[in-house]
PDB file of all heavy atoms in Angstrom:
ATOM      1  N   PRO A   1     191.793  50.572 141.288  1.00  0.00           N
ATOM      2  CA  PRO A   1     191.611  50.290 142.715  1.00  0.00           C
ATOM      3  C   PRO A   1     190.520  51.168 143.326  1.00  0.00           C
ATOM      4  O   PRO A   1     190.347  52.314 142.946  1.00  0.00           O
ATOM      5  CB  PRO A   1     192.977  50.623 143.324  1.00  0.00           C
ATOM      6  CG  PRO A   1     193.609  51.564 142.355  1.00  0.00           C
ATOM      7  CD  PRO A   1     193.065  51.226 140.999  1.00  0.00           C
ATOM      8  N   VAL A   2     189.796  50.574 144.253  1.00  0.00           N
ATOM      9  CA  VAL A   2     188.750  51.302 144.970  1.00  0.00           C
ATOM     10  C   VAL A   2     189.164  51.365 146.433  1.00  0.00           C
ATOM     11  O   VAL A   2     189.486  50.353 147.041  1.00  0.00           O
ATOM     12  CB  VAL A   2     187.389  50.576 144.824  1.00  0.00           C
ATOM     13  CG1 VAL A   2     186.332  51.250 145.667  1.00  0.00           C
ATOM     14  CG2 VAL A   2     186.968  50.531 143.371  1.00  0.00           C
ATOM     15  N   ARG A   3     189.149  52.561 146.978  1.00  0.00           N
ATOM     16  CA  ARG A   3     189.568  52.750 148.373  1.00  0.00           C
ATOM     17  C   ARG A   3     188.540  52.163 149.336  1.00  0.00           C
ATOM     18  O   ARG A   3     187.341  52.234 149.119  1.00  0.00           O
ATOM     19  CB  ARG A   3     189.774  54.223 148.676  1.00  0.00           C
ATOM     20  CG  ARG A   3     190.917  54.827 147.881  1.00  0.00           C
ATOM     21  CD  ARG A   3     191.331  56.181 148.459  1.00  0.00           C
ATOM     22  NE  ARG A   3     192.505  56.677 147.777  1.00  0.00           N
ATOM     23  CZ  ARG A   3     193.749  56.328 148.077  1.00  0.00           C
ATOM     24  NH1 ARG A   3     193.972  55.478 149.050  1.00  0.00           N
ATOM     25  NH2 ARG A   3     194.768  56.828 147.417  1.00  0.00           N
ATOM     26  N   CYS A   4     189.054  51.601 150.422  1.00  0.00           N
ATOM     27  CA  CYS A   4     188.202  51.072 151.475  1.00  0.00           C
ATOM     28  C   CYS A   4     187.438  52.236 152.117  1.00  0.00           C
ATOM     29  O   CYS A   4     188.048  53.250 152.480  1.00  0.00           O
ATOM     30  CB  CYS A   4     189.056  50.355 152.528  1.00  0.00           C
ATOM     31  SG  CYS A   4     188.111  49.842 153.984  1.00  0.00           S
ATOM     32  N   PRO A   5     186.126  52.130 152.276  1.00  0.00           N
ATOM     33  CA  PRO A   5     185.365  53.228 152.869  1.00  0.00           C
ATOM     34  C   PRO A   5     185.671  53.453 154.354  1.00  0.00           C
ATOM     35  O   PRO A   5     185.377  54.510 154.896  1.00  0.00           O
ATOM     36  CB  PRO A   5     183.909  52.825 152.661  1.00  0.00           C
ATOM     37  CG  PRO A   5     183.929  51.366 152.419  1.00  0.00           C
ATOM     38  CD  PRO A   5     185.269  51.035 151.854  1.00  0.00           C
ATOM     39  N   GLN A   6     186.306  52.476 155.016  1.00  0.00           N
ATOM     40  CA  GLN A   6     186.616  52.638 156.443  1.00  0.00           C
ATOM     41  C   GLN A   6     188.017  53.181 156.676  1.00  0.00           C
ATOM     42  O   GLN A   6     188.206  54.143 157.397  1.00  0.00           O
ATOM     43  CB  GLN A   6     186.436  51.311 157.180  1.00  0.00           C
ATOM     44  CG  GLN A   6     184.988  50.915 157.295  1.00  0.00           C
ATOM     45  CD  GLN A   6     184.796  49.594 158.021  1.00  0.00           C
ATOM     46  OE1 GLN A   6     185.742  48.907 158.349  1.00  0.00           O
ATOM     47  NE2 GLN A   6     183.544  49.246 158.260  1.00  0.00           N
ATOM     48  N   CYS A   7     189.040  52.544 156.049  1.00  0.00           N
ATOM     49  CA  CYS A   7     190.413  52.956 156.334  1.00  0.00           C
ATOM     50  C   CYS A   7     191.043  53.753 155.199  1.00  0.00           C
ATOM     51  O   CYS A   7     192.096  54.366 155.384  1.00  0.00           O
ATOM     52  CB  CYS A   7     191.289  51.758 156.671  1.00  0.00           C
ATOM     53  SG  CYS A   7     191.614  50.668 155.269  1.00  0.00           S
ATOM     54  N   GLY A   8     190.429  53.747 154.017  1.00  0.00           N
ATOM     55  CA  GLY A   8     190.933  54.527 152.902  1.00  0.00           C
ATOM     56  C   GLY A   8     192.026  53.861 152.080  1.00  0.00           C
ATOM     57  O   GLY A   8     192.509  54.450 151.117  1.00  0.00           O
ATOM     58  N   ARG A   9     192.434  52.660 152.428  1.00  0.00           N
ATOM     59  CA  ARG A   9     193.475  51.966 151.658  1.00  0.00           C
ATOM     60  C   ARG A   9     192.930  51.532 150.293  1.00  0.00           C
ATOM     61  O   ARG A   9     191.832  51.004 150.210  1.00  0.00           O
ATOM     62  CB  ARG A   9     193.968  50.738 152.410  1.00  0.00           C
ATOM     63  CG  ARG A   9     194.766  51.084 153.625  1.00  0.00           C
ATOM     64  CD  ARG A   9     195.467  49.829 154.164  1.00  0.00           C
ATOM     65  NE  ARG A   9     196.270  50.188 155.312  1.00  0.00           N
ATOM     66  CZ  ARG A   9     196.161  49.630 156.495  1.00  0.00           C
ATOM     67  NH1 ARG A   9     195.306  48.657 156.688  1.00  0.00           N
ATOM     68  NH2 ARG A   9     196.926  50.018 157.485  1.00  0.00           N
ATOM     69  N   PRO A  10     193.753  51.695 149.235  1.00  0.00           N
ATOM     70  CA  PRO A  10     193.306  51.261 147.916  1.00  0.00           C
ATOM     71  C   PRO A  10     193.442  49.753 147.710  1.00  0.00           C
ATOM     72  O   PRO A  10     192.786  49.180 146.859  1.00  0.00           O
ATOM     73  CB  PRO A  10     194.215  52.013 146.950  1.00  0.00           C
ATOM     74  CG  PRO A  10     195.439  52.320 147.735  1.00  0.00           C
ATOM     75  CD  PRO A  10     195.011  52.448 149.172  1.00  0.00           C
ATOM     76  N   GLY A  11     194.271  49.094 148.491  1.00  0.00           N
ATOM     77  CA  GLY A  11     194.491  47.660 148.346  1.00  0.00           C
ATOM     78  C   GLY A  11     193.813  46.879 149.457  1.00  0.00           C
ATOM     79  O   GLY A  11     192.903  47.363 150.134  1.00  0.00           O
ATOM     80  N   ALA A  12     194.296  45.650 149.644  1.00  0.00           N
ATOM     81  CA  ALA A  12     193.726  44.783 150.675  1.00  0.00           C
ATOM     82  C   ALA A  12     193.906  45.383 152.066  1.00  0.00           C
ATOM     83  O   ALA A  12     194.912  46.035 152.350  1.00  0.00           O
ATOM     84  CB  ALA A  12     194.386  43.415 150.617  1.00  0.00           C
ATOM     85  N   CYS A  13     192.916  45.180 152.915  1.00  0.00           N
ATOM     86  CA  CYS A  13     192.981  45.672 154.286  1.00  0.00           C
ATOM     87  C   CYS A  13     192.241  44.689 155.191  1.00  0.00           C
ATOM     88  O   CYS A  13     191.649  43.730 154.727  1.00  0.00           O
ATOM     89  CB  CYS A  13     192.382  47.078 154.392  1.00  0.00           C
ATOM     90  SG  CYS A  13     190.625  47.156 154.002  1.00  0.00           S
ATOM     91  N   ARG A  14     192.233  44.970 156.475  1.00  0.00           N
ATOM     92  CA  ARG A  14     191.570  44.076 157.424  1.00  0.00           C
ATOM     93  C   ARG A  14     190.144  44.501 157.773  1.00  0.00           C
ATOM     94  O   ARG A  14     189.503  43.877 158.593  1.00  0.00           O
ATOM     95  CB  ARG A  14     192.391  44.006 158.715  1.00  0.00           C
ATOM     96  CG  ARG A  14     193.720  43.360 158.507  1.00  0.00           C
ATOM     97  CD  ARG A  14     194.464  43.253 159.798  1.00  0.00           C
ATOM     98  NE  ARG A  14     195.765  42.628 159.574  1.00  0.00           N
ATOM     99  CZ  ARG A  14     196.608  42.335 160.522  1.00  0.00           C
ATOM    100  NH1 ARG A  14     196.301  42.604 161.776  1.00  0.00           N
ATOM    101  NH2 ARG A  14     197.746  41.780 160.232  1.00  0.00           N
ATOM    102  N   CYS A  15     189.674  45.559 157.166  1.00  0.00           N
ATOM    103  CA  CYS A  15     188.347  46.095 157.502  1.00  0.00           C
ATOM    104  C   CYS A  15     187.208  45.192 157.035  1.00  0.00           C
ATOM    105  O   CYS A  15     186.124  45.204 157.608  1.00  0.00           O
ATOM    106  CB  CYS A  15     188.160  47.470 156.881  1.00  0.00           C
ATOM    107  SG  CYS A  15     189.335  48.690 157.478  1.00  0.00           S
ATOM    108  N   ILE A  16     187.404  44.467 155.989  1.00  0.00           N
ATOM    109  CA  ILE A  16     186.380  43.642 155.373  1.00  0.00           C
ATOM    110  C   ILE A  16     185.145  44.498 155.047  1.00  0.00           C
ATOM    111  O   ILE A  16     184.008  44.102 155.225  1.00  0.00           O
ATOM    112  CB  ILE A  16     185.987  42.427 156.241  1.00  0.00           C
ATOM    113  CG1 ILE A  16     187.223  41.690 156.722  1.00  0.00           C
ATOM    114  CG2 ILE A  16     185.105  41.467 155.467  1.00  0.00           C
ATOM    115  CD1 ILE A  16     186.935  40.563 157.692  1.00  0.00           C
ATOM    116  N   ALA A  17     185.388  45.701 154.590  1.00  0.00           N
ATOM    117  CA  ALA A  17     184.306  46.609 154.224  1.00  0.00           C
ATOM    118  C   ALA A  17     183.844  46.321 152.803  1.00  0.00           C
ATOM    119  O   ALA A  17     184.622  45.887 151.960  1.00  0.00           O
ATOM    120  CB  ALA A  17     184.778  48.057 154.344  1.00  0.00           C
ATOM    121  N   ASN A  18     182.605  46.575 152.534  1.00  0.00           N
ATOM    122  CA  ASN A  18     182.040  46.363 151.208  1.00  0.00           C
ATOM    123  C   ASN A  18     182.404  47.545 150.317  1.00  0.00           C
ATOM    124  O   ASN A  18     182.039  48.674 150.613  1.00  0.00           O
ATOM    125  CB  ASN A  18     180.528  46.213 151.306  1.00  0.00           C
ATOM    126  CG  ASN A  18     179.911  45.801 149.991  1.00  0.00           C
ATOM    127  OD1 ASN A  18     180.513  45.916 148.941  1.00  0.00           O
ATOM    128  ND2 ASN A  18     178.689  45.313 150.068  1.00  0.00           N
ATOM    129  N   ARG A  19     183.094  47.275 149.242  1.00  0.00           N
ATOM    130  CA  ARG A  19     183.504  48.325 148.302  1.00  0.00           C
ATOM    131  C   ARG A  19     182.578  48.382 147.090  1.00  0.00           C
ATOM    132  O   ARG A  19     182.870  49.062 146.115  1.00  0.00           O
ATOM    133  CB  ARG A  19     184.944  48.074 147.851  1.00  0.00           C
ATOM    134  CG  ARG A  19     185.924  48.101 149.008  1.00  0.00           C
ATOM    135  CD  ARG A  19     187.323  47.868 148.524  1.00  0.00           C
ATOM    136  NE  ARG A  19     188.215  47.685 149.674  1.00  0.00           N
ATOM    137  CZ  ARG A  19     189.502  47.949 149.637  1.00  0.00           C
ATOM    138  NH1 ARG A  19     190.059  48.393 148.556  1.00  0.00           N
ATOM    139  NH2 ARG A  19     190.240  47.759 150.711  1.00  0.00           N
ATOM    140  N   HIS A  20     181.481  47.672 147.138  1.00  0.00           N
ATOM    141  CA  HIS A  20     180.575  47.570 145.998  1.00  0.00           C
ATOM    142  C   HIS A  20     180.077  48.940 145.536  1.00  0.00           C
ATOM    143  O   HIS A  20     180.107  49.242 144.339  1.00  0.00           O
ATOM    144  CB  HIS A  20     179.387  46.663 146.345  1.00  0.00           C
ATOM    145  CG  HIS A  20     178.368  46.584 145.257  1.00  0.00           C
ATOM    146  ND1 HIS A  20     178.540  45.801 144.149  1.00  0.00           N
ATOM    147  CD2 HIS A  20     177.181  47.213 145.097  1.00  0.00           C
ATOM    148  CE1 HIS A  20     177.500  45.946 143.346  1.00  0.00           C
ATOM    149  NE2 HIS A  20     176.653  46.791 143.903  1.00  0.00           N
ATOM    150  N   ASP A  21     179.580  49.772 146.444  1.00  0.00           N
ATOM    151  CA  ASP A  21     179.032  51.076 146.058  1.00  0.00           C
ATOM    152  C   ASP A  21     180.086  51.940 145.380  1.00  0.00           C
ATOM    153  O   ASP A  21     179.799  52.597 144.372  1.00  0.00           O
ATOM    154  CB  ASP A  21     178.453  51.807 147.277  1.00  0.00           C
ATOM    155  CG  ASP A  21     177.196  51.138 147.802  1.00  0.00           C
ATOM    156  OD1 ASP A  21     176.593  50.338 147.058  1.00  0.00           O
ATOM    157  OD2 ASP A  21     176.824  51.405 148.954  1.00  0.00           O
ATOM    158  N   ALA A  22     181.306  51.925 145.904  1.00  0.00           N
ATOM    159  CA  ALA A  22     182.374  52.706 145.294  1.00  0.00           C
ATOM    160  C   ALA A  22     182.707  52.170 143.906  1.00  0.00           C
ATOM    161  O   ALA A  22     182.977  52.932 142.970  1.00  0.00           O
ATOM    162  CB  ALA A  22     183.618  52.696 146.178  1.00  0.00           C
ATOM    163  N   ARG A  23     182.685  50.857 143.743  1.00  0.00           N
ATOM    164  CA  ARG A  23     182.951  50.240 142.429  1.00  0.00           C
ATOM    165  C   ARG A  23     181.868  50.646 141.430  1.00  0.00           C
ATOM    166  O   ARG A  23     182.154  50.991 140.298  1.00  0.00           O
ATOM    167  CB  ARG A  23     183.016  48.721 142.583  1.00  0.00           C
ATOM    168  CG  ARG A  23     183.126  47.948 141.314  1.00  0.00           C
ATOM    169  CD  ARG A  23     184.490  47.813 140.714  1.00  0.00           C
ATOM    170  NE  ARG A  23     185.480  47.377 141.650  1.00  0.00           N
ATOM    171  CZ  ARG A  23     186.745  47.817 141.621  1.00  0.00           C
ATOM    172  NH1 ARG A  23     187.121  48.673 140.708  1.00  0.00           N
ATOM    173  NH2 ARG A  23     187.613  47.407 142.505  1.00  0.00           N
ATOM    174  N   VAL A  24     180.612  50.612 141.845  1.00  0.00           N
ATOM    175  CA  VAL A  24     179.508  51.012 140.967  1.00  0.00           C
ATOM    176  C   VAL A  24     179.674  52.468 140.550  1.00  0.00           C
ATOM    177  O   VAL A  24     179.501  52.816 139.376  1.00  0.00           O
ATOM    178  CB  VAL A  24     178.139  50.783 141.652  1.00  0.00           C
ATOM    179  CG1 VAL A  24     177.016  51.446 140.878  1.00  0.00           C
ATOM    180  CG2 VAL A  24     177.868  49.293 141.806  1.00  0.00           C
ATOM    181  N   GLU A  25     179.993  53.337 141.487  1.00  0.00           N
ATOM    182  CA  GLU A  25     180.188  54.756 141.176  1.00  0.00           C
ATOM    183  C   GLU A  25     181.325  54.948 140.179  1.00  0.00           C
ATOM    184  O   GLU A  25     181.230  55.768 139.264  1.00  0.00           O
ATOM    185  CB  GLU A  25     180.450  55.563 142.452  1.00  0.00           C
ATOM    186  CG  GLU A  25     179.242  55.680 143.355  1.00  0.00           C
ATOM    187  CD  GLU A  25     178.068  56.378 142.680  1.00  0.00           C
ATOM    188  OE1 GLU A  25     178.277  57.423 142.018  1.00  0.00           O
ATOM    189  OE2 GLU A  25     176.949  55.869 142.807  1.00  0.00           O
ATOM    190  N   LEU A  26     182.407  54.206 140.343  1.00  0.00           N
ATOM    191  CA  LEU A  26     183.556  54.303 139.448  1.00  0.00           C
ATOM    192  C   LEU A  26     183.170  53.885 138.023  1.00  0.00           C
ATOM    193  O   LEU A  26     183.458  54.591 137.053  1.00  0.00           O
ATOM    194  CB  LEU A  26     184.698  53.429 139.970  1.00  0.00           C
ATOM    195  CG  LEU A  26     186.040  53.558 139.273  1.00  0.00           C
ATOM    196  CD1 LEU A  26     186.642  54.927 139.556  1.00  0.00           C
ATOM    197  CD2 LEU A  26     186.979  52.474 139.761  1.00  0.00           C
ATOM    198  N   VAL A  27     182.492  52.763 137.893  1.00  0.00           N
ATOM    199  CA  VAL A  27     182.072  52.284 136.569  1.00  0.00           C
ATOM    200  C   VAL A  27     181.029  53.218 135.967  1.00  0.00           C
ATOM    201  O   VAL A  27     181.101  53.571 134.792  1.00  0.00           O
ATOM    202  CB  VAL A  27     181.542  50.831 136.654  1.00  0.00           C
ATOM    203  CG1 VAL A  27     180.916  50.396 135.343  1.00  0.00           C
ATOM    204  CG2 VAL A  27     182.659  49.886 137.055  1.00  0.00           C
ATOM    205  N   LEU A  28     180.077  53.669 136.768  1.00  0.00           N
ATOM    206  CA  LEU A  28     179.049  54.580 136.273  1.00  0.00           C
ATOM    207  C   LEU A  28     179.671  55.885 135.779  1.00  0.00           C
ATOM    208  O   LEU A  28     179.294  56.401 134.727  1.00  0.00           O
ATOM    209  CB  LEU A  28     178.020  54.857 137.368  1.00  0.00           C
ATOM    210  CG  LEU A  28     176.815  55.692 136.977  1.00  0.00           C
ATOM    211  CD1 LEU A  28     176.057  55.049 135.823  1.00  0.00           C
ATOM    212  CD2 LEU A  28     175.892  55.867 138.161  1.00  0.00           C
ATOM    213  N   GLY A  29     180.636  56.416 136.516  1.00  0.00           N
ATOM    214  CA  GLY A  29     181.326  57.635 136.085  1.00  0.00           C
ATOM    215  C   GLY A  29     182.026  57.441 134.749  1.00  0.00           C
ATOM    216  O   GLY A  29     181.981  58.318 133.880  1.00  0.00           O
ATOM    217  N   ALA A  30     182.668  56.281 134.564  1.00  0.00           N
ATOM    218  CA  ALA A  30     183.352  55.997 133.302  1.00  0.00           C
ATOM    219  C   ALA A  30     182.358  55.878 132.150  1.00  0.00           C
ATOM    220  O   ALA A  30     182.588  56.401 131.055  1.00  0.00           O
ATOM    221  CB  ALA A  30     184.174  54.715 133.433  1.00  0.00           C
ATOM    222  N   VAL A  31     181.232  55.214 132.388  1.00  0.00           N
ATOM    223  CA  VAL A  31     180.223  55.057 131.339  1.00  0.00           C
ATOM    224  C   VAL A  31     179.603  56.403 130.993  1.00  0.00           C
ATOM    225  O   VAL A  31     179.418  56.726 129.812  1.00  0.00           O
ATOM    226  CB  VAL A  31     179.142  54.032 131.764  1.00  0.00           C
ATOM    227  CG1 VAL A  31     177.957  54.050 130.816  1.00  0.00           C
ATOM    228  CG2 VAL A  31     179.749  52.640 131.853  1.00  0.00           C
ATOM    229  N   LEU A  32     179.297  57.220 131.990  1.00  0.00           N
ATOM    230  CA  LEU A  32     178.717  58.542 131.722  1.00  0.00           C
ATOM    231  C   LEU A  32     179.689  59.425 130.947  1.00  0.00           C
ATOM    232  O   LEU A  32     179.283  60.161 130.041  1.00  0.00           O
ATOM    233  CB  LEU A  32     178.288  59.209 133.024  1.00  0.00           C
ATOM    234  CG  LEU A  32     177.068  58.578 133.698  1.00  0.00           C
ATOM    235  CD1 LEU A  32     176.791  59.256 135.041  1.00  0.00           C
ATOM    236  CD2 LEU A  32     175.847  58.648 132.801  1.00  0.00           C
ATOM    237  N   ALA A  33     180.973  59.347 131.282  1.00  0.00           N
ATOM    238  CA  ALA A  33     181.983  60.112 130.534  1.00  0.00           C
ATOM    239  C   ALA A  33     182.031  59.635 129.081  1.00  0.00           C
ATOM    240  O   ALA A  33     182.110  60.446 128.153  1.00  0.00           O
ATOM    241  CB  ALA A  33     183.345  59.967 131.200  1.00  0.00           C
ATOM    242  N   TYR A  34     181.952  58.323 128.884  1.00  0.00           N
ATOM    243  CA  TYR A  34     181.942  57.768 127.522  1.00  0.00           C
ATOM    244  C   TYR A  34     180.717  58.280 126.745  1.00  0.00           C
ATOM    245  O   TYR A  34     180.824  58.719 125.600  1.00  0.00           O
ATOM    246  CB  TYR A  34     181.935  56.234 127.586  1.00  0.00           C
ATOM    247  CG  TYR A  34     181.615  55.601 126.254  1.00  0.00           C
ATOM    248  CD1 TYR A  34     182.609  55.426 125.292  1.00  0.00           C
ATOM    249  CD2 TYR A  34     180.322  55.185 125.964  1.00  0.00           C
ATOM    250  CE1 TYR A  34     182.309  54.840 124.066  1.00  0.00           C
ATOM    251  CE2 TYR A  34     180.009  54.621 124.739  1.00  0.00           C
ATOM    252  CZ  TYR A  34     180.991  54.439 123.799  1.00  0.00           C
ATOM    253  OH  TYR A  34     180.701  53.875 122.590  1.00  0.00           O
ATOM    254  N   LEU A  35     179.550  58.229 127.391  1.00  0.00           N
ATOM    255  CA  LEU A  35     178.326  58.674 126.727  1.00  0.00           C
ATOM    256  C   LEU A  35     178.384  60.158 126.401  1.00  0.00           C
ATOM    257  O   LEU A  35     177.916  60.579 125.344  1.00  0.00           O
ATOM    258  CB  LEU A  35     177.117  58.361 127.613  1.00  0.00           C
ATOM    259  CG  LEU A  35     176.794  56.882 127.803  1.00  0.00           C
ATOM    260  CD1 LEU A  35     175.670  56.707 128.815  1.00  0.00           C
ATOM    261  CD2 LEU A  35     176.442  56.219 126.487  1.00  0.00           C
ATOM    262  N   ALA A  36     178.968  60.957 127.281  1.00  0.00           N
ATOM    263  CA  ALA A  36     179.107  62.396 127.039  1.00  0.00           C
ATOM    264  C   ALA A  36     180.022  62.641 125.821  1.00  0.00           C
ATOM    265  O   ALA A  36     179.756  63.505 124.993  1.00  0.00           O
ATOM    266  CB  ALA A  36     179.639  63.111 128.269  1.00  0.00           C
ATOM    267  N   ARG A  37     181.118  61.863 125.738  1.00  0.00           N
ATOM    268  CA  ARG A  37     182.053  62.013 124.612  1.00  0.00           C
ATOM    269  C   ARG A  37     181.420  61.629 123.287  1.00  0.00           C
ATOM    270  O   ARG A  37     181.686  62.218 122.259  1.00  0.00           O
ATOM    271  CB  ARG A  37     183.304  61.143 124.825  1.00  0.00           C
ATOM    272  CG  ARG A  37     184.312  61.720 125.769  1.00  0.00           C
ATOM    273  CD  ARG A  37     185.660  61.011 125.666  1.00  0.00           C
ATOM    274  NE  ARG A  37     185.584  59.556 125.673  1.00  0.00           N
ATOM    275  CZ  ARG A  37     185.616  58.791 126.766  1.00  0.00           C
ATOM    276  NH1 ARG A  37     185.717  59.348 127.945  1.00  0.00           N
ATOM    277  NH2 ARG A  37     185.563  57.479 126.674  1.00  0.00           N
ATOM    278  N   THR A  38     180.565  60.613 123.309  1.00  0.00           N
ATOM    279  CA  THR A  38     179.964  60.136 122.066  1.00  0.00           C
ATOM    280  C   THR A  38     178.664  60.855 121.727  1.00  0.00           C
ATOM    281  O   THR A  38     178.096  60.625 120.672  1.00  0.00           O
ATOM    282  CB  THR A  38     179.694  58.619 122.140  1.00  0.00           C
ATOM    283  OG1 THR A  38     178.772  58.359 123.201  1.00  0.00           O
ATOM    284  CG2 THR A  38     180.980  57.838 122.331  1.00  0.00           C
ATOM    285  N   GLY A  39     178.186  61.703 122.643  1.00  0.00           N
ATOM    286  CA  GLY A  39     176.951  62.441 122.397  1.00  0.00           C
ATOM    287  C   GLY A  39     175.696  61.616 122.579  1.00  0.00           C
ATOM    288  O   GLY A  39     174.618  61.996 122.171  1.00  0.00           O
ATOM    289  N   ALA A  40     175.812  60.455 123.230  1.00  0.00           N
ATOM    290  CA  ALA A  40     174.676  59.561 123.412  1.00  0.00           C
ATOM    291  C   ALA A  40     173.722  60.025 124.509  1.00  0.00           C
ATOM    292  O   ALA A  40     172.616  59.502 124.613  1.00  0.00           O
ATOM    293  CB  ALA A  40     175.155  58.148 123.716  1.00  0.00           C
ATOM    294  N   THR A  41     174.108  60.980 125.334  1.00  0.00           N
ATOM    295  CA  THR A  41     173.255  61.427 126.436  1.00  0.00           C
ATOM    296  C   THR A  41     172.284  62.526 126.022  1.00  0.00           C
ATOM    297  O   THR A  41     171.436  62.902 126.794  1.00  0.00           O
ATOM    298  CB  THR A  41     174.092  61.925 127.621  1.00  0.00           C
ATOM    299  OG1 THR A  41     174.949  62.971 127.186  1.00  0.00           O
ATOM    300  CG2 THR A  41     174.891  60.777 128.225  1.00  0.00           C
ATOM    301  N   SER A  42     172.433  63.059 124.837  1.00  0.00           N
ATOM    302  CA  SER A  42     171.544  64.163 124.443  1.00  0.00           C
ATOM    303  C   SER A  42     170.310  63.700 123.746  1.00  0.00           C
ATOM    304  O   SER A  42     170.079  62.600 123.460  1.00  0.00           O
ATOM    305  CB  SER A  42     172.292  65.138 123.544  1.00  0.00           C
ATOM    306  OG  SER A  42     172.943  64.479 122.488  1.00  0.00           O
TER     307      SER A  42
END
């Protein structure tokens, strides 16, 4: 779940805020952690 940038709820809310940037950051963090574990970033 990605928290709403306006109200902070992890689920559905009425803000209709775009959670795209938070989703990208979440996926990017997971990929970078994977690359660090496998040594692919060096």
